[in-house]
Amino acid sequence: MQQERKSSANIIETRQSSRRSVFTGVLQSMFALGAGRFTDGKQLSEARPVVISDRHTITLGGATALVAAAVAKAREIGVNVSVAVVDESGVLKAFARMDRAGPATVDIVPNKAYTAAAFRTPTQALAQRSQDQLTQAVSFANLPRVTLLPGGLPISVGGSVIGGLGVGGGTGDQDVEIAEAALAAVL
C-alpha cells in the first residue's frame, strides 16, 4: 500500500512537471512569434513584424503583434478587453482575453473582426450607413457573424484588405481607440 502511494505520487509529480514544461514551451513560442511586448530587445513599435504574406493575408506574427499592441493600449487607458484578428477570409488568426474582460467579448470580438474584413469597412461606419436603410439593418441581423457594434476595423496594407481586427470590452469609443492604436503601432 505504501509502495503504491509513492508510485502514484511519482506519477503525479511527473505529470505536473510535464505540464510545466509544455506551458513554458508555449510561452516561449508566443514570445518568439512576437506576442510579447519586446522582440529581440526592441519595443514593439521599433521591431515591426512581417505583417503580410505573399498570399495577401495577415501573418501570424502580424496578428500576434496587433493583439499585443491592443492589449498594451487597453492597459494604458485602464480597460479590460478581448482582441481578435482574422485573416482576409474571416478565419480567426489570433485572440486574447484580458483578465476581467467580460465573457461575452469572447464571442463578440471575432464577429467584429469578421465583419470588418468581410465588408472591408469599420463596423461603426457600417452601422452609420445602416441607420437610414432599415432593410439593410434588418438583413444584417440575420447574417451569422455580422455585427454593427463599434470596434471592428479592416487591416489594410497597400490598399489591400488582409484581415480584420476586433476589440471589445470598453465603450464603443474605447474599443475603436484601442483598435486604431494597435493598427498605428504595427502597420
Protein backbone atom coordinates (compact mmCIF):
# COMPACT_ATOMS: atom_id res chain seq x y z
CA MET A 1 0.00 0.00 0.00
CA GLN A 2 2.81 2.38 0.97
CA GLN A 3 4.66 1.49 -2.26
CA GLU A 4 1.50 2.21 -4.35
CA ARG A 5 1.17 5.67 -2.76
CA LYS A 6 4.81 6.51 -3.55
CA SER A 7 4.34 5.30 -7.13
CA SER A 8 1.16 7.38 -7.52
CA ALA A 9 2.90 10.43 -6.07
CA ASN A 10 5.78 10.00 -8.54
CA ILE A 11 3.35 9.75 -11.47
CA ILE A 12 1.51 12.89 -10.36
CA GLU A 13 4.79 14.78 -9.89
CA THR A 14 5.98 13.68 -13.35
CA ARG A 15 2.69 14.85 -14.95
CA GLN A 16 2.90 18.23 -13.20
CA SER A 17 6.49 18.65 -14.34
CA SER A 18 5.48 17.74 -17.89
CA ARG A 19 2.63 20.29 -17.81
CA ARG A 20 5.03 22.98 -16.60
CA SER A 21 7.39 22.15 -19.46
CA VAL A 22 4.58 22.36 -22.01
CA PHE A 23 3.37 25.67 -20.54
CA THR A 24 6.90 27.07 -20.56
CA GLY A 25 7.30 25.98 -24.19
CA VAL A 26 4.05 27.66 -25.20
CA LEU A 27 5.09 30.91 -23.52
CA GLN A 28 8.49 30.82 -25.21
CA SER A 29 6.82 30.20 -28.57
CA MET A 30 4.46 33.13 -28.06
CA PHE A 31 7.33 35.46 -27.38
CA ALA A 32 9.28 34.07 -30.33
CA LEU A 33 6.26 34.79 -32.56
CA GLY A 34 6.10 38.38 -31.42
CA ALA A 35 3.29 38.12 -28.87
CA GLY A 36 5.47 39.64 -26.18
CA ARG A 37 5.90 43.34 -25.62
CA PHE A 38 9.56 43.13 -26.59
CA THR A 39 11.01 41.39 -29.62
CA ASP A 40 14.76 40.94 -29.98
CA GLY A 41 15.29 43.51 -27.23
CA LYS A 42 13.32 46.18 -29.07
CA GLN A 43 9.97 47.61 -28.15
CA LEU A 44 7.06 46.54 -30.34
CA SER A 45 6.94 49.91 -32.05
CA GLU A 46 10.60 49.54 -33.05
CA ALA A 47 10.59 45.88 -34.17
CA ARG A 48 7.91 45.63 -36.84
CA PRO A 49 6.90 42.07 -37.74
CA VAL A 50 6.26 40.90 -41.26
CA VAL A 51 2.54 41.63 -41.49
CA ILE A 52 1.54 40.43 -44.96
CA SER A 53 2.34 37.15 -46.66
CA ASP A 54 2.74 36.54 -50.37
CA ARG A 55 -0.91 35.34 -50.35
CA HIS A 56 -2.11 38.82 -49.34
CA THR A 57 -3.15 37.74 -45.88
CA ILE A 58 -2.03 38.72 -42.41
CA THR A 59 0.77 36.61 -40.96
CA LEU A 60 0.73 35.01 -37.54
CA GLY A 61 3.49 37.42 -36.47
CA GLY A 62 1.43 40.39 -37.63
CA ALA A 63 -1.71 39.08 -35.91
CA THR A 64 0.02 38.46 -32.58
CA ALA A 65 1.71 41.86 -32.76
CA LEU A 66 -1.71 43.52 -33.24
CA VAL A 67 -3.11 41.63 -30.26
CA ALA A 68 -0.13 42.66 -28.11
CA ALA A 69 -0.41 46.31 -29.20
CA ALA A 70 -4.16 46.37 -28.47
CA VAL A 71 -3.66 44.85 -25.02
CA ALA A 72 -0.93 47.41 -24.28
CA LYS A 73 -3.22 50.30 -25.28
CA ALA A 74 -6.10 48.84 -23.24
CA ARG A 75 -3.87 48.64 -20.17
CA GLU A 76 -2.74 52.21 -20.78
CA ILE A 77 -6.32 53.52 -20.69
CA GLY A 78 -7.43 51.12 -17.93
CA VAL A 79 -9.87 48.91 -19.86
CA ASN A 80 -10.06 45.11 -19.88
CA VAL A 81 -10.82 43.87 -23.38
CA SER A 82 -10.75 40.89 -25.68
CA VAL A 83 -8.99 41.21 -29.03
CA ALA A 84 -9.38 39.10 -32.16
CA VAL A 85 -7.59 39.15 -35.50
CA VAL A 86 -8.95 37.31 -38.54
CA ASP A 87 -7.39 36.77 -41.94
CA GLU A 88 -8.82 38.19 -45.19
CA SER A 89 -11.38 35.36 -45.30
CA GLY A 90 -12.58 35.97 -41.74
CA VAL A 91 -10.85 32.95 -40.22
CA LEU A 92 -9.56 33.55 -36.69
CA LYS A 93 -5.79 34.06 -36.63
CA ALA A 94 -5.11 35.36 -33.08
CA PHE A 95 -7.15 36.03 -29.94
CA ALA A 96 -6.60 37.22 -26.38
CA ARG A 97 -8.93 37.94 -23.47
CA MET A 98 -7.51 40.14 -20.73
CA ASP A 99 -8.21 39.24 -17.13
CA ARG A 100 -11.62 40.57 -16.07
CA ALA A 101 -12.77 41.19 -19.66
CA GLY A 102 -16.42 40.25 -19.96
CA PRO A 103 -17.22 36.70 -21.06
CA ALA A 104 -19.50 37.94 -23.88
CA THR A 105 -16.46 39.56 -25.53
CA VAL A 106 -15.18 36.08 -26.40
CA ASP A 107 -17.99 35.75 -28.94
CA ILE A 108 -18.38 39.41 -29.91
CA VAL A 109 -14.85 40.43 -30.91
CA PRO A 110 -14.26 37.71 -33.52
CA ASN A 111 -17.55 38.85 -35.09
CA LYS A 112 -16.34 42.46 -35.12
CA ALA A 113 -13.11 41.37 -36.83
CA TYR A 114 -15.01 39.17 -39.32
CA THR A 115 -17.47 41.96 -40.20
CA ALA A 116 -14.66 44.47 -40.77
CA ALA A 117 -12.78 42.03 -43.03
CA ALA A 118 -15.85 40.80 -44.93
CA PHE A 119 -17.28 44.25 -45.64
CA ARG A 120 -13.86 45.94 -45.95
CA THR A 121 -15.04 48.75 -43.67
CA PRO A 122 -15.07 49.65 -39.95
CA THR A 123 -18.07 48.22 -38.13
CA GLN A 124 -19.11 51.64 -36.80
CA ALA A 125 -19.15 53.05 -40.37
CA LEU A 126 -21.31 50.13 -41.48
CA ALA A 127 -23.68 50.84 -38.58
CA GLN A 128 -23.94 54.53 -39.51
CA ARG A 129 -24.74 53.69 -43.13
CA SER A 130 -27.41 51.23 -41.99
CA GLN A 131 -29.25 53.76 -39.79
CA ASP A 132 -31.13 55.22 -42.75
CA GLN A 133 -31.59 51.88 -44.50
CA LEU A 134 -33.92 49.75 -42.40
CA THR A 135 -33.92 46.86 -44.86
CA GLN A 136 -30.12 46.64 -44.77
CA ALA A 137 -30.02 46.82 -40.96
CA VAL A 138 -32.61 44.05 -40.65
CA SER A 139 -30.79 41.85 -43.15
CA PHE A 140 -27.53 42.21 -41.18
CA ALA A 141 -29.33 40.90 -38.10
CA ASN A 142 -29.99 37.66 -39.99
CA LEU A 143 -26.40 37.12 -41.10
CA PRO A 144 -24.31 34.95 -38.81
CA ARG A 145 -21.07 36.54 -37.55
CA VAL A 146 -22.07 40.05 -38.68
CA THR A 147 -22.26 42.80 -36.07
CA LEU A 148 -22.67 46.54 -36.22
CA LEU A 149 -21.01 47.13 -32.85
CA PRO A 150 -18.07 49.58 -32.94
CA GLY A 151 -14.55 48.24 -32.53
CA GLY A 152 -14.04 46.27 -35.74
CA LEU A 153 -11.51 47.61 -38.25
CA PRO A 154 -10.23 46.18 -41.52
CA ILE A 155 -6.48 45.58 -41.69
CA SER A 156 -5.19 47.09 -44.94
CA VAL A 157 -1.72 47.11 -46.43
CA GLY A 158 -1.06 48.80 -49.75
CA GLY A 159 -4.77 49.24 -50.43
CA SER A 160 -5.46 45.53 -49.95
CA VAL A 161 -7.51 44.21 -47.00
CA ILE A 162 -5.50 41.40 -45.42
CA GLY A 163 -7.66 40.81 -42.34
CA GLY A 164 -9.81 42.30 -39.65
CA LEU A 165 -9.24 43.43 -36.05
CA GLY A 166 -11.94 43.33 -33.38
CA VAL A 167 -11.76 44.86 -29.90
CA GLY A 168 -14.47 44.71 -27.24
CA GLY A 169 -14.91 45.26 -23.54
CA GLY A 170 -14.89 49.04 -23.21
CA THR A 171 -17.29 51.61 -24.53
CA GLY A 172 -17.64 51.74 -28.31
CA ASP A 173 -15.33 54.76 -28.43
CA GLN A 174 -12.72 53.00 -26.27
CA ASP A 175 -12.87 49.87 -28.44
CA VAL A 176 -12.29 51.97 -31.57
CA GLU A 177 -9.46 53.93 -29.89
CA ILE A 178 -7.70 50.69 -28.89
CA ALA A 179 -8.11 49.14 -32.36
CA GLU A 180 -6.83 52.29 -34.11
CA ALA A 181 -3.83 52.48 -31.75
CA ALA A 182 -2.96 48.83 -32.41
CA LEU A 183 -3.07 49.34 -36.18
CA ALA A 184 -0.96 52.50 -35.91
CA ALA A 185 1.63 50.72 -33.76
CA VAL A 186 2.03 47.69 -36.02
CA LEU A 187 1.39 48.86 -39.58
